[in-house]
C-alpha atoms as a PDB file:
ATOM      1  CA  UNK A   1     -22.037 -26.959 -16.666  1.00  0.00           C
ATOM      2  CA  UNK A   2     -25.685 -27.272 -15.519  1.00  0.00           C
ATOM      3  CA  UNK A   3     -26.752 -25.966 -12.095  1.00  0.00           C
ATOM      4  CA  UNK A   4     -28.205 -29.366 -11.229  1.00  0.00           C
ATOM      5  CA  UNK A   5     -27.270 -32.575 -12.997  1.00  0.00           C
ATOM      6  CA  UNK A   6     -29.025 -35.903 -12.189  1.00  0.00           C
ATOM      7  CA  UNK A   7     -27.323 -38.763 -14.048  1.00  0.00           C
ATOM      8  CA  UNK A   8     -28.857 -42.274 -14.276  1.00  0.00           C
ATOM      9  CA  UNK A   9     -30.237 -42.126 -10.751  1.00  0.00           C
ATOM     10  CA  UNK A  10     -32.154 -45.002  -9.231  1.00  0.00           C
ATOM     11  CA  UNK A  11     -33.716 -44.908  -5.732  1.00  0.00           C
ATOM     12  CA  UNK A  12     -35.222 -47.960  -4.009  1.00  0.00           C
ATOM     13  CA  UNK A  13     -37.119 -48.469  -0.770  1.00  0.00           C
ATOM     14  CA  UNK A  14     -36.990 -51.789   1.098  1.00  0.00           C
ATOM     15  CA  UNK A  15     -39.393 -53.111   3.700  1.00  0.00           C
ATOM     16  CA  UNK A  16     -38.428 -56.502   4.832  1.00  0.00           C
ATOM     17  CA  UNK A  17     -38.100 -58.683   1.718  1.00  0.00           C
ATOM     18  CA  UNK A  18     -40.147 -56.317  -0.451  1.00  0.00           C
ATOM     19  CA  UNK A  19     -38.465 -53.693  -2.625  1.00  0.00           C
ATOM     20  CA  UNK A  20     -40.020 -50.850  -4.515  1.00  0.00           C
ATOM     21  CA  UNK A  21     -38.145 -48.808  -7.125  1.00  0.00           C
ATOM     22  CA  UNK A  22     -39.367 -45.215  -6.650  1.00  0.00           C
ATOM     23  CA  UNK A  23     -37.030 -43.590  -9.200  1.00  0.00           C
ATOM     24  CA  UNK A  24     -35.694 -45.651 -12.114  1.00  0.00           C
ATOM     25  CA  UNK A  25     -32.612 -44.616 -14.175  1.00  0.00           C
ATOM     26  CA  UNK A  26     -33.553 -40.909 -14.246  1.00  0.00           C
ATOM     27  CA  UNK A  27     -31.464 -38.257 -15.911  1.00  0.00           C
ATOM     28  CA  UNK A  28     -32.241 -34.555 -15.707  1.00  0.00           C
ATOM     29  CA  UNK A  29     -30.371 -31.267 -16.054  1.00  0.00           C
ATOM     30  CA  UNK A  30     -31.638 -27.910 -14.769  1.00  0.00           C
ATOM     31  CA  UNK A  31     -30.180 -24.523 -15.640  1.00  0.00           C
ATOM     32  CA  UNK A  32     -30.104 -21.287 -13.667  1.00  0.00           C
ATOM     33  CA  UNK A  33     -33.355 -19.346 -13.983  1.00  0.00           C
ATOM     34  CA  UNK A  34     -35.298 -22.316 -15.362  1.00  0.00           C
ATOM     35  CA  UNK A  35     -38.711 -23.510 -14.097  1.00  0.00           C
ATOM     36  CA  UNK A  36     -39.123 -27.259 -14.484  1.00  0.00           C
ATOM     37  CA  UNK A  37     -42.383 -29.030 -13.539  1.00  0.00           C
ATOM     38  CA  UNK A  38     -42.718 -32.765 -12.987  1.00  0.00           C
ATOM     39  CA  UNK A  39     -46.210 -34.153 -13.190  1.00  0.00           C
ATOM     40  CA  UNK A  40     -47.134 -37.601 -11.888  1.00  0.00           C
ATOM     41  CA  UNK A  41     -49.858 -39.500 -10.133  1.00  0.00           C
ATOM     42  CA  UNK A  42     -49.643 -40.551  -6.548  1.00  0.00           C
ATOM     43  CA  UNK A  43     -46.780 -43.077  -5.901  1.00  0.00           C
ATOM     44  CA  UNK A  44     -45.325 -42.231  -9.349  1.00  0.00           C
ATOM     45  CA  UNK A  45     -41.988 -41.217  -7.801  1.00  0.00           C
ATOM     46  CA  UNK A  46     -42.422 -37.491  -8.182  1.00  0.00           C
ATOM     47  CA  UNK A  47     -41.804 -36.622  -4.512  1.00  0.00           C
ATOM     48  CA  UNK A  48     -38.837 -39.029  -4.233  1.00  0.00           C
ATOM     49  CA  UNK A  49     -37.290 -37.399  -7.337  1.00  0.00           C
ATOM     50  CA  UNK A  50     -37.440 -33.994  -5.639  1.00  0.00           C
ATOM     51  CA  UNK A  51     -35.914 -35.211  -2.387  1.00  0.00           C
ATOM     52  CA  UNK A  52     -33.081 -36.848  -4.296  1.00  0.00           C
ATOM     53  CA  UNK A  53     -32.628 -33.631  -6.354  1.00  0.00           C
ATOM     54  CA  UNK A  54     -32.424 -31.594  -3.197  1.00  0.00           C
ATOM     55  CA  UNK A  55     -29.934 -33.946  -1.448  1.00  0.00           C
ATOM     56  CA  UNK A  56     -32.363 -35.049   1.234  1.00  0.00           C
ATOM     57  CA  UNK A  57     -32.016 -38.664   0.060  1.00  0.00           C
ATOM     58  CA  UNK A  58     -29.149 -40.335  -1.690  1.00  0.00           C
ATOM     59  CA  UNK A  59     -29.666 -42.696  -4.649  1.00  0.00           C
ATOM     60  CA  UNK A  60     -28.450 -46.252  -4.758  1.00  0.00           C
ATOM     61  CA  UNK A  61     -27.235 -45.762  -8.309  1.00  0.00           C
ATOM     62  CA  UNK A  62     -26.189 -42.729 -10.328  1.00  0.00           C
ATOM     63  CA  UNK A  63     -24.928 -39.342  -9.173  1.00  0.00           C
ATOM     64  CA  UNK A  64     -26.501 -35.979  -8.417  1.00  0.00           C
ATOM     65  CA  UNK A  65     -24.232 -32.961  -8.976  1.00  0.00           C
ATOM     66  CA  UNK A  66     -24.873 -29.400  -7.973  1.00  0.00           C
ATOM     67  CA  UNK A  67     -22.732 -26.594  -9.296  1.00  0.00           C
ATOM     68  CA  UNK A  68     -20.262 -29.340 -10.339  1.00  0.00           C
ATOM     69  CA  UNK A  69     -20.072 -30.909  -6.900  1.00  0.00           C
ATOM     70  CA  UNK A  70     -21.318 -34.321  -5.779  1.00  0.00           C
ATOM     71  CA  UNK A  71     -24.427 -33.492  -3.795  1.00  0.00           C
ATOM     72  CA  UNK A  72     -24.206 -36.610  -1.606  1.00  0.00           C
ATOM     73  CA  UNK A  73     -20.789 -35.549  -0.319  1.00  0.00           C
ATOM     74  CA  UNK A  74     -21.562 -31.836   0.012  1.00  0.00           C
ATOM     75  CA  UNK A  75     -25.249 -31.786   1.099  1.00  0.00           C
ATOM     76  CA  UNK A  76     -24.482 -30.267   4.512  1.00  0.00           C
ATOM     77  CA  UNK A  77     -22.936 -27.203   2.892  1.00  0.00           C
ATOM     78  CA  UNK A  78     -25.554 -27.008   0.068  1.00  0.00           C
ATOM     79  CA  UNK A  79     -28.976 -28.001   1.408  1.00  0.00           C
ATOM     80  CA  UNK A  80     -30.612 -25.136   3.230  1.00  0.00           C
ATOM     81  CA  UNK A  81     -28.116 -22.767   1.654  1.00  0.00           C
ATOM     82  CA  UNK A  82     -27.601 -23.097  -2.046  1.00  0.00           C
ATOM     83  CA  UNK A  83     -30.699 -25.349  -2.375  1.00  0.00           C
ATOM     84  CA  UNK A  84     -33.960 -24.441  -0.756  1.00  0.00           C
ATOM     85  CA  UNK A  85     -36.424 -27.270  -0.257  1.00  0.00           C
ATOM     86  CA  UNK A  86     -40.020 -27.022   0.868  1.00  0.00           C
ATOM     87  CA  UNK A  87     -43.375 -28.711   1.072  1.00  0.00           C
ATOM     88  CA  UNK A  88     -46.528 -26.633   1.424  1.00  0.00           C
ATOM     89  CA  UNK A  89     -47.624 -28.876   4.245  1.00  0.00           C
ATOM     90  CA  UNK A  90     -44.450 -28.160   6.234  1.00  0.00           C
ATOM     91  CA  UNK A  91     -46.278 -25.969   8.780  1.00  0.00           C
ATOM     92  CA  UNK A  92     -48.146 -28.810  10.471  1.00  0.00           C
ATOM     93  CA  UNK A  93     -47.410 -28.530  14.201  1.00  0.00           C
ATOM     94  CA  UNK A  94     -45.439 -25.277  13.807  1.00  0.00           C
ATOM     95  CA  UNK A  95     -45.542 -22.831  16.672  1.00  0.00           C
ATOM     96  CA  UNK A  96     -44.712 -19.104  16.930  1.00  0.00           C
ATOM     97  CA  UNK A  97     -45.140 -16.258  14.572  1.00  0.00           C
ATOM     98  CA  UNK A  98     -44.885 -16.728  10.822  1.00  0.00           C
ATOM     99  CA  UNK A  99     -41.901 -14.312  10.520  1.00  0.00           C
ATOM    100  CA  UNK A 100     -40.012 -16.296  13.163  1.00  0.00           C
ATOM    101  CA  UNK A 101     -40.436 -19.497  11.198  1.00  0.00           C
ATOM    102  CA  UNK A 102     -39.252 -17.824   7.977  1.00  0.00           C
ATOM    103  CA  UNK A 103     -36.243 -16.364   9.787  1.00  0.00           C
ATOM    104  CA  UNK A 104     -35.320 -19.681  11.484  1.00  0.00           C
ATOM    105  CA  UNK A 105     -33.185 -20.800   8.463  1.00  0.00           C
ATOM    106  CA  UNK A 106     -30.869 -17.891   8.876  1.00  0.00           C
ATOM    107  CA  UNK A 107     -30.699 -18.311  12.708  1.00  0.00           C
ATOM    108  CA  UNK A 108     -29.557 -21.870  12.030  1.00  0.00           C
ATOM    109  CA  UNK A 109     -26.608 -20.366  10.097  1.00  0.00           C
ATOM    110  CA  UNK A 110     -25.716 -18.130  13.063  1.00  0.00           C
ATOM    111  CA  UNK A 111     -27.152 -14.963  11.618  1.00  0.00           C
ATOM    112  CA  UNK A 112     -28.038 -12.288  14.170  1.00  0.00           C
ATOM    113  CA  UNK A 113     -31.655 -12.310  15.318  1.00  0.00           C
ATOM    114  CA  UNK A 114     -32.158  -8.777  14.080  1.00  0.00           C
ATOM    115  CA  UNK A 115     -30.818  -9.502  10.624  1.00  0.00           C
ATOM    116  CA  UNK A 116     -32.728 -12.799  10.391  1.00  0.00           C
ATOM    117  CA  UNK A 117     -35.977 -11.051  11.432  1.00  0.00           C
ATOM    118  CA  UNK A 118     -35.435  -8.303   8.782  1.00  0.00           C
ATOM    119  CA  UNK A 119     -34.738 -10.899   6.076  1.00  0.00           C
ATOM    120  CA  UNK A 120     -37.756 -12.820   7.134  1.00  0.00           C
ATOM    121  CA  UNK A 121     -39.929  -9.800   6.698  1.00  0.00           C
ATOM    122  CA  UNK A 122     -38.390  -9.025   3.296  1.00  0.00           C
ATOM    123  CA  UNK A 123     -39.129 -12.535   2.119  1.00  0.00           C
ATOM    124  CA  UNK A 124     -42.722 -12.387   3.238  1.00  0.00           C
ATOM    125  CA  UNK A 125     -42.984  -9.130   1.260  1.00  0.00           C
ATOM    126  CA  UNK A 126     -41.398 -10.856  -1.722  1.00  0.00           C
ATOM    127  CA  UNK A 127     -43.992 -13.605  -1.791  1.00  0.00           C
ATOM    128  CA  UNK A 128     -46.831 -11.156  -1.237  1.00  0.00           C
ATOM    129  CA  UNK A 129     -47.975 -11.897   2.338  1.00  0.00           C
ATOM    130  CA  UNK A 130     -46.102  -9.327   4.436  1.00  0.00           C
ATOM    131  CA  UNK A 131     -49.362  -8.737   6.349  1.00  0.00           C
ATOM    132  CA  UNK A 132     -49.050 -12.292   7.752  1.00  0.00           C
ATOM    133  CA  UNK A 133     -45.721 -11.723   9.485  1.00  0.00           C
ATOM    134  CA  UNK A 134     -47.194 -11.617  13.029  1.00  0.00           C
ATOM    135  CA  UNK A 135     -49.884 -14.239  12.598  1.00  0.00           C
ATOM    136  CA  UNK A 136     -49.971 -17.777  13.919  1.00  0.00           C
ATOM    137  CA  UNK A 137     -50.086 -20.727  11.501  1.00  0.00           C
ATOM    138  CA  UNK A 138     -53.687 -21.595  12.348  1.00  0.00           C
ATOM    139  CA  UNK A 139     -54.688 -18.194  11.105  1.00  0.00           C
ATOM    140  CA  UNK A 140     -53.372 -18.874   7.558  1.00  0.00           C
ATOM    141  CA  UNK A 141     -55.208 -20.395   4.593  1.00  0.00           C
ATOM    142  CA  UNK A 142     -53.742 -22.878   2.120  1.00  0.00           C
ATOM    143  CA  UNK A 143     -52.375 -20.341  -0.302  1.00  0.00           C
ATOM    144  CA  UNK A 144     -50.741 -18.338   2.486  1.00  0.00           C
ATOM    145  CA  UNK A 145     -49.230 -21.426   3.968  1.00  0.00           C
ATOM    146  CA  UNK A 146     -47.676 -22.242   0.538  1.00  0.00           C
ATOM    147  CA  UNK A 147     -46.256 -18.745   0.283  1.00  0.00           C
ATOM    148  CA  UNK A 148     -44.732 -18.959   3.817  1.00  0.00           C
ATOM    149  CA  UNK A 149     -43.114 -22.240   2.814  1.00  0.00           C
ATOM    150  CA  UNK A 150     -41.555 -20.511  -0.244  1.00  0.00           C
ATOM    151  CA  UNK A 151     -40.396 -17.587   1.745  1.00  0.00           C
ATOM    152  CA  UNK A 152     -38.751 -19.895   4.294  1.00  0.00           C
ATOM    153  CA  UNK A 153     -36.880 -21.702   1.482  1.00  0.00           C
ATOM    154  CA  UNK A 154     -35.819 -18.447  -0.155  1.00  0.00           C
ATOM    155  CA  UNK A 155     -34.525 -16.633   2.940  1.00  0.00           C
ATOM    156  CA  UNK A 156     -31.030 -18.059   2.464  1.00  0.00           C
ATOM    157  CA  UNK A 157     -30.943 -16.840  -1.144  1.00  0.00           C
ATOM    158  CA  UNK A 158     -30.555 -20.336  -2.776  1.00  0.00           C
ATOM    159  CA  UNK A 159     -29.663 -20.873  -6.419  1.00  0.00           C
ATOM    160  CA  UNK A 160     -32.297 -23.655  -6.647  1.00  0.00           C
ATOM    161  CA  UNK A 161     -35.785 -23.861  -5.161  1.00  0.00           C
ATOM    162  CA  UNK A 162     -37.165 -27.431  -4.944  1.00  0.00           C
ATOM    163  CA  UNK A 163     -40.906 -27.346  -4.051  1.00  0.00           C
ATOM    164  CA  UNK A 164     -43.100 -30.462  -3.712  1.00  0.00           C
ATOM    165  CA  UNK A 165     -46.718 -29.898  -4.795  1.00  0.00           C
ATOM    166  CA  UNK A 166     -46.940 -26.187  -4.271  1.00  0.00           C
ATOM    167  CA  UNK A 167     -50.714 -26.019  -5.157  1.00  0.00           C
ATOM    168  CA  UNK A 168     -51.785 -28.909  -2.870  1.00  0.00           C
ATOM    169  CA  UNK A 169     -54.456 -27.653  -0.493  1.00  0.00           C
ATOM    170  CA  UNK A 170     -54.686 -24.276  -2.318  1.00  0.00           C
ATOM    171  CA  UNK A 171     -58.045 -22.975  -3.487  1.00  0.00           C
ATOM    172  CA  UNK A 172     -58.548 -23.181  -7.286  1.00  0.00           C
ATOM    173  CA  UNK A 173     -58.775 -19.382  -7.643  1.00  0.00           C
ATOM    174  CA  UNK A 174     -55.496 -18.893  -5.868  1.00  0.00           C
ATOM    175  CA  UNK A 175     -53.403 -21.427  -7.814  1.00  0.00           C
ATOM    176  CA  UNK A 176     -52.638 -19.318 -10.825  1.00  0.00           C
ATOM    177  CA  UNK A 177     -51.261 -16.465  -8.678  1.00  0.00           C
ATOM    178  CA  UNK A 178     -49.089 -18.934  -6.764  1.00  0.00           C
ATOM    179  CA  UNK A 179     -47.726 -20.448  -9.974  1.00  0.00           C
ATOM    180  CA  UNK A 180     -47.116 -16.956 -11.293  1.00  0.00           C
ATOM    181  CA  UNK A 181     -44.964 -16.274  -8.177  1.00  0.00           C
ATOM    182  CA  UNK A 182     -42.824 -19.355  -8.914  1.00  0.00           C
ATOM    183  CA  UNK A 183     -42.454 -18.175 -12.535  1.00  0.00           C
ATOM    184  CA  UNK A 184     -41.287 -14.788 -11.307  1.00  0.00           C
ATOM    185  CA  UNK A 185     -38.770 -16.367  -8.931  1.00  0.00           C
ATOM    186  CA  UNK A 186     -37.277 -18.250 -11.877  1.00  0.00           C
ATOM    187  CA  UNK A 187     -37.260 -15.123 -13.987  1.00  0.00           C
ATOM    188  CA  UNK A 188     -35.167 -13.462 -11.352  1.00  0.00           C
ATOM    189  CA  UNK A 189     -32.514 -16.177 -11.719  1.00  0.00           C
ATOM    190  CA  UNK A 190     -33.440 -18.820  -9.047  1.00  0.00           C
ATOM    191  CA  UNK A 191     -34.014 -22.103 -10.793  1.00  0.00           C
ATOM    192  CA  UNK A 192     -37.213 -23.866  -9.638  1.00  0.00           C
ATOM    193  CA  UNK A 193     -37.912 -27.599  -9.677  1.00  0.00           C
ATOM    194  CA  UNK A 194     -41.469 -28.496  -8.666  1.00  0.00           C
ATOM    195  CA  UNK A 195     -43.755 -31.557  -8.660  1.00  0.00           C
ATOM    196  CA  UNK A 196     -47.462 -31.576  -9.223  1.00  0.00           C
ATOM    197  CA  UNK A 197     -50.327 -34.043  -9.394  1.00  0.00           C
ATOM    198  CA  UNK A 198     -52.433 -31.474 -11.188  1.00  0.00           C
ATOM    199  CA  UNK A 199     -52.065 -30.573 -14.909  1.00  0.00           C
ATOM    200  CA  UNK A 200     -52.702 -26.969 -14.023  1.00  0.00           C
ATOM    201  CA  UNK A 201     -49.443 -26.996 -12.136  1.00  0.00           C
ATOM    202  CA  UNK A 202     -47.604 -27.195 -15.405  1.00  0.00           C
ATOM    203  CA  UNK A 203     -48.631 -23.651 -16.304  1.00  0.00           C
ATOM    204  CA  UNK A 204     -45.711 -21.267 -16.908  1.00  0.00           C
ATOM    205  CA  UNK A 205     -43.036 -24.004 -16.837  1.00  0.00           C
ATOM    206  CA  UNK A 206     -40.111 -23.929 -19.254  1.00  0.00           C
ATOM    207  CA  UNK A 207     -40.216 -27.706 -19.339  1.00  0.00           C
ATOM    208  CA  UNK A 208     -43.043 -30.002 -18.290  1.00  0.00           C
ATOM    209  CA  UNK A 209     -41.980 -33.587 -17.616  1.00  0.00           C
ATOM    210  CA  UNK A 210     -44.025 -36.614 -16.509  1.00  0.00           C
ATOM    211  CA  UNK A 211     -43.052 -39.416 -14.228  1.00  0.00           C
ATOM    212  CA  UNK A 212     -44.705 -42.843 -14.018  1.00  0.00           C
ATOM    213  CA  UNK A 213     -43.541 -45.875 -12.120  1.00  0.00           C
ATOM    214  CA  UNK A 214     -40.310 -44.067 -11.366  1.00  0.00           C
ATOM    215  CA  UNK A 215     -39.502 -43.402 -15.027  1.00  0.00           C
ATOM    216  CA  UNK A 216     -39.151 -39.769 -16.192  1.00  0.00           C
ATOM    217  CA  UNK A 217     -40.510 -38.858 -19.680  1.00  0.00           C
ATOM    218  CA  UNK A 218     -39.881 -35.694 -21.578  1.00  0.00           C
ATOM    219  CA  UNK A 219     -36.839 -33.567 -22.355  1.00  0.00           C
ATOM    220  CA  UNK A 220     -34.211 -34.213 -19.692  1.00  0.00           C
ATOM    221  CA  UNK A 221     -32.119 -31.331 -20.983  1.00  0.00           C
ATOM    222  CA  UNK A 222     -33.198 -27.767 -21.863  1.00  0.00           C
ATOM    223  CA  UNK A 223     -33.337 -27.068 -25.583  1.00  0.00           C
ATOM    224  CA  UNK A 224     -30.322 -25.173 -26.919  1.00  0.00           C
ATOM    225  CA  UNK A 225     -31.080 -21.563 -27.716  1.00  0.00           C
ATOM    226  CA  UNK A 226     -30.948 -20.590 -31.351  1.00  0.00           C
ATOM    227  CA  UNK A 227     -27.976 -18.355 -31.808  1.00  0.00           C
ATOM    228  CA  UNK A 228     -27.961 -15.692 -34.596  1.00  0.00           C
ATOM    229  CA  UNK A 229     -24.460 -14.641 -35.628  1.00  0.00           C
ATOM    230  CA  UNK A 230     -23.756 -11.063 -34.733  1.00  0.00           C
ATOM    231  CA  UNK A 231     -22.846  -9.944 -38.210  1.00  0.00           C
ATOM    232  CA  UNK A 232     -25.962 -11.426 -39.652  1.00  0.00           C
ATOM    233  CA  UNK A 233     -28.153  -9.732 -36.964  1.00  0.00           C
ATOM    234  CA  UNK A 234     -26.405  -6.355 -37.669  1.00  0.00           C
ATOM    235  CA  UNK A 235     -26.885  -6.752 -41.414  1.00  0.00           C
ATOM    236  CA  UNK A 236     -30.563  -7.455 -40.989  1.00  0.00           C
ATOM    237  CA  UNK A 237     -30.908  -4.412 -38.709  1.00  0.00           C
ATOM    238  CA  UNK A 238     -29.263  -2.115 -41.445  1.00  0.00           C
ATOM    239  CA  UNK A 239     -31.588  -3.489 -44.152  1.00  0.00           C
ATOM    240  CA  UNK A 240     -34.641  -2.587 -42.066  1.00  0.00           C
END
């Protein structure tokens, strides 16, 4: 069973008599510890796909399952807990200290302020910006804002991190370290689904998919690992 399974999903937006198909018959499976990047131009459907994958929006057709459960029916128990969703632009208009914002996800789950504050500091350390804990948002640069967004999404220890355009607004020299952070998060077991409008954002991904006019192209399922029978492996080891 895949961690996340998107099966023949279609998402439409309507404005009066006009209709736009943002995601068109998309299927995608994501496994634990996998980093999947979806590249697409503006209005390609990349952000809509991520919002549907996170349970923020429901599709008109198809089904999204997370850990075997219908996400549309269980989103209140999953989103913000087992699934962490973030945009690097999330901080617009935010007030208060950075560590308070990171800790807010735990406070919403009735964690004690002391424990939430401690976890917030731990997450800022994890993403490499513990020195920013007591800063205000207008004191942060683009890369720091992106890392704060990631820390806020990770504070509840989700199994899946969904992040929309993590390198948007980040200086060119700081993009590779940010992508390396996402790779390390996946290597530690948290699956990562990210979108990007920049080909550089595909760096380090286990699978790089493209989306255009709502249609996903690439490998919707991870390649099966090549399994070497134990007896054959042991025999080869003895011969060496």
